[in-house]
Amino acid sequence: MTPIPFTLGQLRVDFEGETPVLHGPAADSPEASVEADEAAFRGWIRLDSAGRYRPLPGASTMRPGWLLKCGPALPLAAALETAYPLAMLHREQQGAGTLRVVPLREVLGRQTGRYARAASLPEPAQDVAVLVLCGRCVKQPVWHAVGAEQDDIACPEPCSVMVSLCRDATLWEASPPPSAPEDPLVPWAAFETTGNEIREHYLRARFQTTSADQVGLSDG
């Protein structure tokens, strides 16, 4: 039987005969070839096109314009696991109804040390955090009552990046800083840094957005 091409997040998988070929997001230039080695592939996908580290593997910031031909050194299953850890397992569990879902409130409530204050973030602010962070991720946050279709990647539990955002957002609740222009060179998860794209989106949506703007944010 001929293998059937499929997509997973920002990856597209097709086949040359029996050989799986992974493609990154489309680009105008010809695709660069990535070595079929786990360490080399991990190093490639952990940086975005601006050279910034990608702390969230599911972030929609995978650099475009590349392909990888799987082989004995890096089979398809291992390549997908490297790109999106546990994605295939969670997809299977979601389909079987066995996925264990942990809500944000529970995750925040078990934080300690400097992150313990995240538990006090009010629910409307949590919703904004989900909007601005999860909206930049290929996974569907089923922990936030978001549905996942068969071909989606279900996210069963808030990640550490979400916890970090909620921790900083708690500080902003007391004294909201003004929003600033987004700086694409600021590290992706440096929420304490002025110009961070997620920080600035959050501040606008939480403290400065009109009703009409909020509709636009929700749609996009």
N, C-alpha and C. Protein backbone atom coordinates (compact mmCIF):
# COMPACT_ATOMS: atom_id res chain seq x y z
N MET A 1 0.84 -1.20 0.00
CA MET A 1 0.00 0.00 0.00
C MET A 1 0.88 1.25 0.00
N THR A 2 0.53 2.21 -0.82
CA THR A 2 1.29 3.45 -0.90
C THR A 2 1.06 4.29 0.35
N PRO A 3 2.11 4.74 1.01
CA PRO A 3 1.94 5.58 2.21
C PRO A 3 1.17 6.86 1.85
N ILE A 4 0.38 7.32 2.80
CA ILE A 4 -0.46 8.51 2.57
C ILE A 4 0.21 9.72 3.20
N PRO A 5 0.42 10.79 2.44
CA PRO A 5 0.99 12.02 3.01
C PRO A 5 0.08 12.57 4.11
N PHE A 6 0.66 13.29 5.04
CA PHE A 6 -0.13 13.90 6.11
C PHE A 6 0.61 15.11 6.65
N THR A 7 -0.07 15.86 7.49
CA THR A 7 0.54 17.01 8.14
C THR A 7 0.50 16.82 9.66
N LEU A 8 1.45 17.44 10.32
CA LEU A 8 1.49 17.46 11.78
C LEU A 8 2.02 18.83 12.17
N GLY A 9 1.15 19.65 12.74
CA GLY A 9 1.55 21.01 13.07
C GLY A 9 1.99 21.75 11.82
N GLN A 10 3.20 22.29 11.84
CA GLN A 10 3.74 22.99 10.68
C GLN A 10 4.49 22.06 9.73
N LEU A 11 4.56 20.78 10.05
CA LEU A 11 5.25 19.82 9.20
C LEU A 11 4.33 19.21 8.17
N ARG A 12 4.88 18.97 6.99
CA ARG A 12 4.19 18.20 5.97
C ARG A 12 5.03 16.97 5.68
N VAL A 13 4.40 15.81 5.65
CA VAL A 13 5.11 14.55 5.42
C VAL A 13 4.60 13.93 4.14
N ASP A 14 5.51 13.73 3.17
CA ASP A 14 5.15 12.96 1.98
C ASP A 14 6.18 11.85 1.81
N PHE A 15 6.10 11.13 0.71
CA PHE A 15 6.93 9.94 0.57
C PHE A 15 7.53 9.87 -0.82
N GLU A 16 8.80 9.51 -0.87
CA GLU A 16 9.47 9.17 -2.12
C GLU A 16 9.60 7.65 -2.13
N GLY A 17 8.64 6.99 -2.77
CA GLY A 17 8.56 5.54 -2.64
C GLY A 17 8.16 5.22 -1.22
N GLU A 18 9.00 4.50 -0.50
CA GLU A 18 8.74 4.18 0.90
C GLU A 18 9.46 5.12 1.87
N THR A 19 10.22 6.06 1.33
CA THR A 19 11.03 6.94 2.17
C THR A 19 10.23 8.17 2.61
N PRO A 20 10.02 8.36 3.93
CA PRO A 20 9.30 9.55 4.39
C PRO A 20 10.18 10.79 4.23
N VAL A 21 9.55 11.87 3.79
CA VAL A 21 10.24 13.15 3.63
C VAL A 21 9.48 14.21 4.41
N LEU A 22 10.16 14.84 5.38
CA LEU A 22 9.56 15.92 6.16
C LEU A 22 9.86 17.24 5.48
N HIS A 23 8.84 18.09 5.42
CA HIS A 23 8.99 19.43 4.88
C HIS A 23 8.59 20.44 5.95
N GLY A 24 9.40 21.46 6.12
CA GLY A 24 9.04 22.55 7.00
C GLY A 24 8.05 23.48 6.33
N PRO A 25 7.68 24.58 6.99
CA PRO A 25 6.76 25.54 6.37
C PRO A 25 7.27 26.01 5.02
N ALA A 26 6.35 26.33 4.14
CA ALA A 26 6.71 26.72 2.78
C ALA A 26 7.49 28.02 2.76
N ALA A 27 8.36 28.15 1.78
CA ALA A 27 9.14 29.37 1.58
C ALA A 27 9.26 29.61 0.08
N ASP A 28 9.62 30.83 -0.28
CA ASP A 28 9.77 31.17 -1.70
C ASP A 28 11.04 30.56 -2.29
N SER A 29 12.06 30.36 -1.46
CA SER A 29 13.33 29.83 -1.94
C SER A 29 13.30 28.30 -1.97
N PRO A 30 14.23 27.67 -2.70
CA PRO A 30 14.31 26.20 -2.71
C PRO A 30 14.55 25.66 -1.30
N GLU A 31 14.08 24.46 -1.05
CA GLU A 31 14.21 23.85 0.27
C GLU A 31 15.65 23.42 0.55
N ALA A 32 16.14 23.78 1.72
CA ALA A 32 17.45 23.31 2.16
C ALA A 32 17.31 21.89 2.70
N SER A 33 18.34 21.10 2.54
CA SER A 33 18.31 19.72 3.01
C SER A 33 18.92 19.64 4.41
N VAL A 34 18.19 19.05 5.35
CA VAL A 34 18.65 18.90 6.72
C VAL A 34 19.14 17.47 6.93
N GLU A 35 20.25 17.32 7.60
CA GLU A 35 20.83 16.00 7.84
C GLU A 35 19.89 15.13 8.65
N ALA A 36 19.75 13.87 8.25
CA ALA A 36 18.88 12.91 8.95
C ALA A 36 19.61 12.35 10.16
N ASP A 37 19.85 13.22 11.11
CA ASP A 37 20.51 12.86 12.37
C ASP A 37 19.75 13.57 13.48
N GLU A 38 19.45 12.87 14.56
CA GLU A 38 18.59 13.44 15.58
C GLU A 38 19.16 14.72 16.19
N ALA A 39 20.43 14.71 16.53
CA ALA A 39 21.05 15.89 17.14
C ALA A 39 21.06 17.06 16.16
N ALA A 40 21.39 16.79 14.89
CA ALA A 40 21.41 17.85 13.89
C ALA A 40 20.01 18.40 13.65
N PHE A 41 19.04 17.52 13.59
CA PHE A 41 17.65 17.97 13.36
C PHE A 41 17.15 18.77 14.55
N ARG A 42 17.44 18.33 15.75
CA ARG A 42 17.01 19.07 16.94
C ARG A 42 17.64 20.46 16.95
N GLY A 43 18.91 20.53 16.61
CA GLY A 43 19.56 21.83 16.56
C GLY A 43 18.94 22.74 15.51
N TRP A 44 18.52 22.17 14.40
CA TRP A 44 17.91 22.95 13.33
C TRP A 44 16.57 23.54 13.74
N ILE A 45 15.71 22.72 14.31
CA ILE A 45 14.35 23.18 14.59
C ILE A 45 14.24 23.96 15.90
N ARG A 46 15.30 23.99 16.71
CA ARG A 46 15.22 24.73 17.96
C ARG A 46 15.48 26.22 17.78
N LEU A 47 15.83 26.63 16.54
CA LEU A 47 16.01 28.05 16.25
C LEU A 47 14.99 28.48 15.20
N ASP A 48 14.48 29.71 15.34
CA ASP A 48 13.57 30.23 14.32
C ASP A 48 14.38 30.92 13.22
N SER A 49 13.70 31.51 12.25
CA SER A 49 14.38 32.10 11.11
C SER A 49 15.19 33.33 11.50
N ALA A 50 14.92 33.92 12.67
CA ALA A 50 15.70 35.06 13.16
C ALA A 50 16.86 34.62 14.04
N GLY A 51 17.02 33.31 14.21
CA GLY A 51 18.10 32.79 15.03
C GLY A 51 17.77 32.73 16.51
N ARG A 52 16.50 32.98 16.87
CA ARG A 52 16.11 32.93 18.28
C ARG A 52 15.80 31.50 18.70
N TYR A 53 16.12 31.17 19.94
CA TYR A 53 15.80 29.86 20.49
C TYR A 53 14.28 29.70 20.59
N ARG A 54 13.80 28.51 20.27
CA ARG A 54 12.37 28.20 20.34
C ARG A 54 12.12 27.39 21.62
N PRO A 55 11.75 28.04 22.73
CA PRO A 55 11.54 27.31 23.98
C PRO A 55 10.29 26.45 23.98
N LEU A 56 9.37 26.75 23.08
CA LEU A 56 8.12 26.00 22.98
C LEU A 56 8.13 25.24 21.65
N PRO A 57 8.33 23.92 21.67
CA PRO A 57 8.42 23.17 20.40
C PRO A 57 7.20 23.34 19.50
N GLY A 58 6.03 23.55 20.09
CA GLY A 58 4.83 23.69 19.30
C GLY A 58 4.59 25.08 18.74
N ALA A 59 5.43 26.03 19.10
CA ALA A 59 5.24 27.40 18.62
C ALA A 59 5.26 27.44 17.10
N SER A 60 4.42 28.30 16.55
CA SER A 60 4.31 28.42 15.08
C SER A 60 5.43 29.29 14.54
N THR A 61 6.65 28.99 14.96
CA THR A 61 7.83 29.78 14.58
C THR A 61 8.89 28.91 13.92
N MET A 62 8.50 27.72 13.49
CA MET A 62 9.46 26.82 12.84
C MET A 62 9.99 27.49 11.58
N ARG A 63 11.29 27.46 11.41
CA ARG A 63 11.86 28.14 10.25
C ARG A 63 11.40 27.45 8.95
N PRO A 64 11.15 28.22 7.91
CA PRO A 64 10.61 27.66 6.67
C PRO A 64 11.70 27.21 5.71
N GLY A 65 11.26 26.51 4.66
CA GLY A 65 12.13 26.23 3.52
C GLY A 65 13.16 25.14 3.72
N TRP A 66 12.75 23.98 4.23
CA TRP A 66 13.70 22.89 4.40
C TRP A 66 12.99 21.55 4.24
N LEU A 67 13.78 20.51 4.03
CA LEU A 67 13.26 19.14 3.97
C LEU A 67 14.26 18.20 4.63
N LEU A 68 13.75 17.06 5.06
CA LEU A 68 14.57 16.04 5.68
C LEU A 68 14.08 14.68 5.20
N LYS A 69 14.98 13.90 4.62
CA LYS A 69 14.63 12.56 4.19
C LYS A 69 14.97 11.58 5.32
N CYS A 70 13.96 10.95 5.86
CA CYS A 70 14.16 10.03 6.97
C CYS A 70 14.89 8.77 6.50
N GLY A 71 15.56 8.14 7.42
CA GLY A 71 16.29 6.92 7.11
C GLY A 71 16.58 6.16 8.39
N PRO A 72 17.45 5.15 8.32
CA PRO A 72 17.74 4.33 9.50
C PRO A 72 18.26 5.15 10.69
N ALA A 73 19.04 6.20 10.41
CA ALA A 73 19.59 7.01 11.50
C ALA A 73 18.54 7.89 12.15
N LEU A 74 17.49 8.21 11.43
CA LEU A 74 16.41 9.04 11.97
C LEU A 74 15.09 8.63 11.30
N PRO A 75 14.44 7.59 11.83
CA PRO A 75 13.15 7.15 11.28
C PRO A 75 12.08 8.24 11.45
N LEU A 76 11.00 8.09 10.74
CA LEU A 76 9.93 9.08 10.76
C LEU A 76 9.41 9.31 12.18
N ALA A 77 9.13 8.24 12.91
CA ALA A 77 8.57 8.39 14.26
C ALA A 77 9.51 9.19 15.16
N ALA A 78 10.80 8.95 15.04
CA ALA A 78 11.77 9.67 15.87
C ALA A 78 11.86 11.13 15.45
N ALA A 79 11.77 11.41 14.16
CA ALA A 79 11.81 12.78 13.68
C ALA A 79 10.60 13.57 14.17
N LEU A 80 9.43 12.96 14.12
CA LEU A 80 8.22 13.64 14.59
C LEU A 80 8.29 13.88 16.09
N GLU A 81 8.82 12.91 16.83
CA GLU A 81 8.95 13.06 18.28
C GLU A 81 9.94 14.17 18.62
N THR A 82 10.99 14.30 17.81
CA THR A 82 11.96 15.37 18.03
C THR A 82 11.34 16.73 17.78
N ALA A 83 10.54 16.83 16.73
CA ALA A 83 9.91 18.11 16.39
C ALA A 83 8.81 18.47 17.38
N TYR A 84 7.95 17.52 17.69
CA TYR A 84 6.79 17.76 18.56
C TYR A 84 6.71 16.64 19.60
N PRO A 85 7.44 16.76 20.71
CA PRO A 85 7.46 15.70 21.72
C PRO A 85 6.05 15.32 22.20
N LEU A 86 5.77 14.02 22.20
CA LEU A 86 4.52 13.42 22.69
C LEU A 86 3.30 13.75 21.82
N ALA A 87 3.49 14.44 20.70
CA ALA A 87 2.35 14.85 19.89
C ALA A 87 1.57 13.64 19.37
N MET A 88 2.26 12.65 18.84
CA MET A 88 1.57 11.49 18.28
C MET A 88 0.88 10.69 19.38
N LEU A 89 1.54 10.57 20.54
CA LEU A 89 0.91 9.86 21.66
C LEU A 89 -0.35 10.59 22.11
N HIS A 90 -0.28 11.88 22.26
CA HIS A 90 -1.44 12.64 22.70
C HIS A 90 -2.57 12.60 21.67
N ARG A 91 -2.21 12.59 20.40
CA ARG A 91 -3.23 12.47 19.35
C ARG A 91 -3.95 11.13 19.48
N GLU A 92 -3.19 10.08 19.69
CA GLU A 92 -3.79 8.75 19.85
C GLU A 92 -4.67 8.69 21.09
N GLN A 93 -4.18 9.23 22.20
CA GLN A 93 -4.95 9.21 23.45
C GLN A 93 -6.22 10.05 23.33
N GLN A 94 -6.13 11.17 22.64
CA GLN A 94 -7.32 11.99 22.43
C GLN A 94 -8.37 11.22 21.65
N GLY A 95 -7.95 10.51 20.62
CA GLY A 95 -8.88 9.72 19.82
C GLY A 95 -9.48 8.56 20.59
N ALA A 96 -8.71 7.99 21.52
CA ALA A 96 -9.19 6.85 22.31
C ALA A 96 -9.95 7.27 23.55
N GLY A 97 -9.96 8.57 23.85
CA GLY A 97 -10.65 9.05 25.04
C GLY A 97 -9.90 8.79 26.32
N THR A 98 -8.58 8.57 26.25
CA THR A 98 -7.79 8.27 27.44
C THR A 98 -6.83 9.40 27.81
N LEU A 99 -6.92 10.52 27.13
CA LEU A 99 -6.00 11.62 27.39
C LEU A 99 -6.30 12.25 28.75
N ARG A 100 -5.29 12.35 29.62
CA ARG A 100 -5.47 12.96 30.94
C ARG A 100 -5.27 14.46 30.81
N VAL A 101 -6.30 15.20 31.12
CA VAL A 101 -6.28 16.66 30.94
C VAL A 101 -6.15 17.33 32.31
N VAL A 102 -5.22 18.28 32.40
CA VAL A 102 -4.97 19.00 33.65
C VAL A 102 -5.24 20.49 33.40
N PRO A 103 -6.20 21.09 34.09
CA PRO A 103 -6.55 22.49 33.84
C PRO A 103 -5.48 23.45 34.34
N LEU A 104 -5.52 24.67 33.82
CA LEU A 104 -4.54 25.68 34.17
C LEU A 104 -4.56 26.00 35.66
N ARG A 105 -5.73 26.12 36.24
CA ARG A 105 -5.82 26.46 37.65
C ARG A 105 -5.08 25.45 38.52
N GLU A 106 -5.17 24.16 38.17
CA GLU A 106 -4.46 23.13 38.93
C GLU A 106 -2.96 23.27 38.77
N VAL A 107 -2.51 23.53 37.56
CA VAL A 107 -1.08 23.67 37.32
C VAL A 107 -0.52 24.89 38.06
N LEU A 108 -1.24 26.00 38.00
CA LEU A 108 -0.77 27.20 38.70
C LEU A 108 -0.79 27.00 40.21
N GLY A 109 -1.77 26.26 40.71
CA GLY A 109 -1.89 26.05 42.14
C GLY A 109 -0.79 25.22 42.75
N ARG A 110 -0.07 24.46 41.95
CA ARG A 110 0.99 23.63 42.51
C ARG A 110 2.38 24.24 42.33
N GLN A 111 2.44 25.49 41.84
CA GLN A 111 3.72 26.16 41.68
C GLN A 111 4.27 26.60 43.03
N THR A 112 5.59 26.66 43.10
CA THR A 112 6.27 27.09 44.33
C THR A 112 7.30 28.15 43.99
N GLY A 113 7.89 28.74 45.04
CA GLY A 113 8.93 29.72 44.84
C GLY A 113 8.43 30.95 44.10
N ARG A 114 9.23 31.45 43.17
CA ARG A 114 8.90 32.68 42.46
C ARG A 114 7.70 32.52 41.55
N TYR A 115 7.28 31.30 41.25
CA TYR A 115 6.13 31.08 40.38
C TYR A 115 4.83 30.90 41.14
N ALA A 116 4.90 30.84 42.49
CA ALA A 116 3.70 30.60 43.28
C ALA A 116 2.67 31.71 43.08
N ARG A 117 3.12 32.93 42.86
CA ARG A 117 2.19 34.04 42.70
C ARG A 117 1.30 33.89 41.46
N ALA A 118 1.69 33.04 40.51
CA ALA A 118 0.88 32.85 39.30
C ALA A 118 -0.51 32.33 39.63
N ALA A 119 -0.66 31.66 40.77
CA ALA A 119 -1.96 31.10 41.14
C ALA A 119 -3.00 32.18 41.41
N SER A 120 -2.56 33.41 41.66
CA SER A 120 -3.50 34.48 41.94
C SER A 120 -3.98 35.21 40.68
N LEU A 121 -3.52 34.80 39.52
CA LEU A 121 -3.94 35.46 38.28
C LEU A 121 -5.43 35.25 38.06
N PRO A 122 -6.22 36.33 37.91
CA PRO A 122 -7.67 36.16 37.75
C PRO A 122 -8.03 35.47 36.44
N GLU A 123 -9.19 34.86 36.42
CA GLU A 123 -9.60 34.07 35.26
C GLU A 123 -9.64 34.87 33.96
N PRO A 124 -10.17 36.12 33.95
CA PRO A 124 -10.14 36.87 32.68
C PRO A 124 -8.72 37.06 32.15
N ALA A 125 -7.77 37.24 33.05
CA ALA A 125 -6.38 37.39 32.63
C ALA A 125 -5.83 36.06 32.10
N GLN A 126 -6.24 34.95 32.70
CA GLN A 126 -5.85 33.64 32.18
C GLN A 126 -6.34 33.46 30.76
N ASP A 127 -7.56 33.90 30.50
CA ASP A 127 -8.11 33.78 29.14
C ASP A 127 -7.27 34.56 28.14
N VAL A 128 -6.78 35.72 28.54
CA VAL A 128 -5.94 36.51 27.65
C VAL A 128 -4.61 35.81 27.42
N ALA A 129 -4.05 35.22 28.47
CA ALA A 129 -2.80 34.47 28.34
C ALA A 129 -2.96 33.33 27.34
N VAL A 130 -4.08 32.64 27.40
CA VAL A 130 -4.35 31.56 26.45
C VAL A 130 -4.45 32.12 25.04
N LEU A 131 -5.12 33.25 24.90
CA LEU A 131 -5.29 33.87 23.58
C LEU A 131 -3.95 34.18 22.94
N VAL A 132 -3.06 34.82 23.70
CA VAL A 132 -1.84 35.33 23.09
C VAL A 132 -0.73 34.28 22.99
N LEU A 133 -0.72 33.29 23.88
CA LEU A 133 0.33 32.27 23.81
C LEU A 133 -0.13 31.05 23.01
N CYS A 134 -1.26 30.48 23.38
CA CYS A 134 -1.73 29.29 22.68
C CYS A 134 -2.11 29.61 21.23
N GLY A 135 -2.47 30.85 20.98
CA GLY A 135 -2.75 31.26 19.61
C GLY A 135 -1.52 31.26 18.73
N ARG A 136 -0.33 31.14 19.35
CA ARG A 136 0.92 31.07 18.61
C ARG A 136 1.50 29.66 18.62
N CYS A 137 0.69 28.68 18.96
CA CYS A 137 1.14 27.29 19.07
C CYS A 137 0.26 26.41 18.19
N VAL A 138 0.85 25.36 17.63
CA VAL A 138 0.10 24.47 16.75
C VAL A 138 -0.79 23.51 17.53
N LYS A 139 -0.60 23.42 18.84
CA LYS A 139 -1.39 22.49 19.63
C LYS A 139 -2.71 23.13 20.07
N GLN A 140 -3.70 22.29 20.29
CA GLN A 140 -5.01 22.75 20.76
C GLN A 140 -5.11 22.55 22.27
N PRO A 141 -5.28 23.63 23.04
CA PRO A 141 -5.29 23.51 24.51
C PRO A 141 -6.60 22.93 25.02
N VAL A 142 -6.71 21.62 24.99
CA VAL A 142 -7.95 20.98 25.45
C VAL A 142 -8.14 21.20 26.95
N TRP A 143 -7.09 21.58 27.65
CA TRP A 143 -7.20 21.91 29.07
C TRP A 143 -7.96 23.21 29.30
N HIS A 144 -8.20 23.95 28.23
CA HIS A 144 -8.93 25.21 28.32
C HIS A 144 -10.27 25.09 27.59
N ALA A 145 -10.83 23.90 27.59
CA ALA A 145 -12.13 23.64 26.97
C ALA A 145 -12.13 23.96 25.49
N VAL A 146 -10.99 23.76 24.84
CA VAL A 146 -10.88 23.92 23.39
C VAL A 146 -10.92 22.54 22.77
N GLY A 147 -11.77 22.34 21.78
CA GLY A 147 -11.88 21.05 21.15
C GLY A 147 -10.71 20.75 20.23
N ALA A 148 -10.44 19.47 20.00
CA ALA A 148 -9.39 19.05 19.09
C ALA A 148 -9.97 18.05 18.10
N GLU A 149 -9.76 18.33 16.82
CA GLU A 149 -10.21 17.42 15.78
C GLU A 149 -9.23 16.26 15.66
N GLN A 150 -9.58 15.29 14.84
CA GLN A 150 -8.79 14.06 14.71
C GLN A 150 -7.35 14.35 14.30
N ASP A 151 -7.16 15.32 13.40
CA ASP A 151 -5.82 15.59 12.89
C ASP A 151 -5.09 16.67 13.69
N ASP A 152 -5.72 17.20 14.73
CA ASP A 152 -5.07 18.20 15.56
C ASP A 152 -4.09 17.55 16.54
N ILE A 153 -3.23 18.37 17.12
CA ILE A 153 -2.38 17.93 18.22
C ILE A 153 -3.01 18.45 19.50
N ALA A 154 -3.48 17.55 20.31
CA ALA A 154 -4.10 17.95 21.58
C ALA A 154 -3.04 18.28 22.60
N CYS A 155 -3.24 19.37 23.33
CA CYS A 155 -2.34 19.76 24.42
C CYS A 155 -3.10 19.50 25.73
N PRO A 156 -2.68 18.51 26.52
CA PRO A 156 -3.46 18.12 27.69
C PRO A 156 -3.17 18.91 28.96
N GLU A 157 -2.07 19.69 28.96
CA GLU A 157 -1.68 20.36 30.20
C GLU A 157 -0.90 21.63 29.87
N PRO A 158 -1.14 22.72 30.58
CA PRO A 158 -0.38 23.95 30.32
C PRO A 158 1.13 23.71 30.45
N CYS A 159 1.88 24.33 29.55
CA CYS A 159 3.32 24.13 29.53
C CYS A 159 4.02 25.10 30.47
N SER A 160 5.31 24.92 30.63
CA SER A 160 6.09 25.79 31.50
C SER A 160 6.16 27.22 30.97
N VAL A 161 6.05 27.38 29.66
CA VAL A 161 6.06 28.73 29.09
C VAL A 161 4.78 29.46 29.50
N MET A 162 3.66 28.76 29.52
CA MET A 162 2.41 29.37 29.98
C MET A 162 2.51 29.76 31.45
N VAL A 163 3.11 28.93 32.26
CA VAL A 163 3.28 29.25 33.68
C VAL A 163 4.12 30.52 33.82
N SER A 164 5.17 30.63 33.05
CA SER A 164 6.02 31.82 33.10
C SER A 164 5.25 33.07 32.71
N LEU A 165 4.43 32.96 31.66
CA LEU A 165 3.63 34.10 31.23
C LEU A 165 2.64 34.49 32.33
N CYS A 166 2.00 33.52 32.95
CA CYS A 166 1.04 33.82 34.01
C CYS A 166 1.73 34.46 35.21
N ARG A 167 2.94 34.03 35.50
CA ARG A 167 3.68 34.62 36.60
C ARG A 167 3.94 36.10 36.33
N ASP A 168 4.41 36.44 35.14
CA ASP A 168 4.67 37.84 34.81
C ASP A 168 3.36 38.63 34.71
N ALA A 169 2.33 37.98 34.16
CA ALA A 169 1.03 38.66 34.03
C ALA A 169 0.47 39.03 35.40
N THR A 170 0.74 38.23 36.41
CA THR A 170 0.29 38.56 37.77
C THR A 170 0.93 39.86 38.25
N LEU A 171 2.19 40.06 37.92
CA LEU A 171 2.86 41.30 38.28
C LEU A 171 2.25 42.49 37.54
N TRP A 172 1.88 42.28 36.29
CA TRP A 172 1.29 43.37 35.49
C TRP A 172 -0.10 43.76 35.99
N GLU A 173 -0.81 42.82 36.63
CA GLU A 173 -2.15 43.14 37.12
C GLU A 173 -2.11 44.28 38.12
N ALA A 174 -1.11 44.30 38.98
CA ALA A 174 -1.02 45.33 40.02
C ALA A 174 -0.67 46.69 39.44
N SER A 175 0.21 46.69 38.43
CA SER A 175 0.64 47.96 37.83
C SER A 175 0.92 47.72 36.36
N PRO A 176 -0.12 47.82 35.52
CA PRO A 176 0.04 47.49 34.11
C PRO A 176 1.06 48.40 33.42
N PRO A 177 2.10 47.85 32.83
CA PRO A 177 3.04 48.69 32.09
C PRO A 177 2.42 49.08 30.75
N PRO A 178 2.85 50.18 30.17
CA PRO A 178 2.34 50.55 28.86
C PRO A 178 2.86 49.59 27.80
N SER A 179 2.05 49.36 26.78
CA SER A 179 2.53 48.51 25.70
C SER A 179 3.51 49.29 24.84
N ALA A 180 4.35 48.55 24.12
CA ALA A 180 5.37 49.14 23.28
C ALA A 180 5.38 48.42 21.94
N PRO A 181 6.03 48.98 20.94
CA PRO A 181 6.15 48.27 19.66
C PRO A 181 6.85 46.92 19.84
N GLU A 182 6.45 45.95 19.08
CA GLU A 182 7.06 44.63 19.16
C GLU A 182 8.42 44.63 18.48
N ASP A 183 9.37 43.97 19.11
CA ASP A 183 10.72 43.87 18.59
C ASP A 183 11.00 42.41 18.25
N PRO A 184 11.12 42.06 16.97
CA PRO A 184 11.30 40.65 16.58
C PRO A 184 12.62 40.06 17.02
N LEU A 185 13.54 40.89 17.54
CA LEU A 185 14.82 40.37 17.99
C LEU A 185 14.80 39.98 19.47
N VAL A 186 13.77 40.39 20.20
CA VAL A 186 13.66 40.01 21.61
C VAL A 186 13.36 38.52 21.71
N PRO A 187 14.04 37.79 22.56
CA PRO A 187 13.75 36.36 22.70
C PRO A 187 12.26 36.08 22.88
N TRP A 188 11.81 34.97 22.33
CA TRP A 188 10.38 34.69 22.19
C TRP A 188 9.66 34.61 23.52
N ALA A 189 10.31 34.09 24.55
CA ALA A 189 9.65 33.92 25.85
C ALA A 189 10.20 34.87 26.91
N ALA A 190 10.86 35.95 26.50
CA ALA A 190 11.39 36.94 27.46
C ALA A 190 10.28 37.93 27.80
N PHE A 191 9.30 37.47 28.56
CA PHE A 191 8.10 38.27 28.82
C PHE A 191 8.38 39.52 29.65
N GLU A 192 9.48 39.51 30.37
CA GLU A 192 9.82 40.67 31.19
C GLU A 192 10.46 41.79 30.36
N THR A 193 10.77 41.51 29.10
CA THR A 193 11.49 42.47 28.25
C THR A 193 10.52 43.27 27.39
N THR A 194 10.62 44.57 27.47
CA THR A 194 9.80 45.44 26.62
C THR A 194 10.08 45.12 25.15
N GLY A 195 9.01 45.00 24.38
CA GLY A 195 9.14 44.66 22.98
C GLY A 195 8.88 43.21 22.67
N ASN A 196 8.87 42.34 23.69
CA ASN A 196 8.55 40.93 23.46
C ASN A 196 7.15 40.84 22.87
N GLU A 197 7.01 40.11 21.77
CA GLU A 197 5.76 40.11 21.03
C GLU A 197 4.57 39.59 21.84
N ILE A 198 4.81 38.58 22.67
CA ILE A 198 3.71 38.02 23.46
C ILE A 198 3.35 38.98 24.59
N ARG A 199 4.35 39.55 25.23
CA ARG A 199 4.11 40.55 26.28
C ARG A 199 3.26 41.70 25.73
N GLU A 200 3.67 42.26 24.59
CA GLU A 200 2.98 43.44 24.06
C GLU A 200 1.56 43.09 23.60
N HIS A 201 1.37 41.92 23.04
CA HIS A 201 0.03 41.47 22.65
C HIS A 201 -0.84 41.32 23.89
N TYR A 202 -0.28 40.74 24.93
CA TYR A 202 -1.04 40.56 26.18
C TYR A 202 -1.45 41.91 26.76
N LEU A 203 -0.51 42.84 26.85
CA LEU A 203 -0.81 44.14 27.46
C LEU A 203 -1.89 44.88 26.69
N ARG A 204 -1.85 44.82 25.38
CA ARG A 204 -2.88 45.47 24.58
C ARG A 204 -4.23 44.79 24.79
N ALA A 205 -4.23 43.46 24.77
CA ALA A 205 -5.49 42.73 24.87
C ALA A 205 -6.10 42.83 26.27
N ARG A 206 -5.27 42.85 27.28
CA ARG A 206 -5.76 42.85 28.66
C ARG A 206 -6.14 44.24 29.16
N PHE A 207 -5.37 45.25 28.78
CA PHE A 207 -5.55 46.56 29.40
C PHE A 207 -5.92 47.70 28.45
N GLN A 208 -5.68 47.53 27.14
CA GLN A 208 -5.85 48.67 26.26
C GLN A 208 -6.74 48.41 25.06
N THR A 209 -7.33 47.24 24.95
CA THR A 209 -8.06 46.87 23.75
C THR A 209 -9.52 47.30 23.82
N THR A 210 -10.01 47.87 22.73
CA THR A 210 -11.42 48.19 22.62
C THR A 210 -12.19 46.94 22.26
N SER A 211 -13.50 47.01 22.34
CA SER A 211 -14.33 45.85 22.00
C SER A 211 -14.11 45.43 20.56
N ALA A 212 -14.01 46.40 19.65
CA ALA A 212 -13.83 46.07 18.24
C ALA A 212 -12.48 45.38 18.02
N ASP A 213 -11.42 45.86 18.73
CA ASP A 213 -10.12 45.25 18.60
C ASP A 213 -10.11 43.84 19.14
N GLN A 214 -10.85 43.60 20.24
CA GLN A 214 -10.89 42.28 20.84
C GLN A 214 -11.46 41.26 19.87
N VAL A 215 -12.47 41.66 19.10
CA VAL A 215 -13.03 40.76 18.09
C VAL A 215 -11.97 40.39 17.08
N GLY A 216 -11.17 41.38 16.66
CA GLY A 216 -10.10 41.10 15.72
C GLY A 216 -9.06 40.15 16.26
N LEU A 217 -8.70 40.31 17.54
CA LEU A 217 -7.73 39.43 18.16
C LEU A 217 -8.26 38.01 18.23
N SER A 218 -9.52 37.88 18.57
CA SER A 218 -10.11 36.54 18.69
C SER A 218 -10.16 35.85 17.33
N ASP A 219 -10.36 36.64 16.27
CA ASP A 219 -10.46 36.05 14.93
C ASP A 219 -9.11 35.67 14.38
N GLY A 220 -8.04 36.31 14.87
CA GLY A 220 -6.74 36.07 14.26
C GLY A 220 -5.76 35.39 15.13
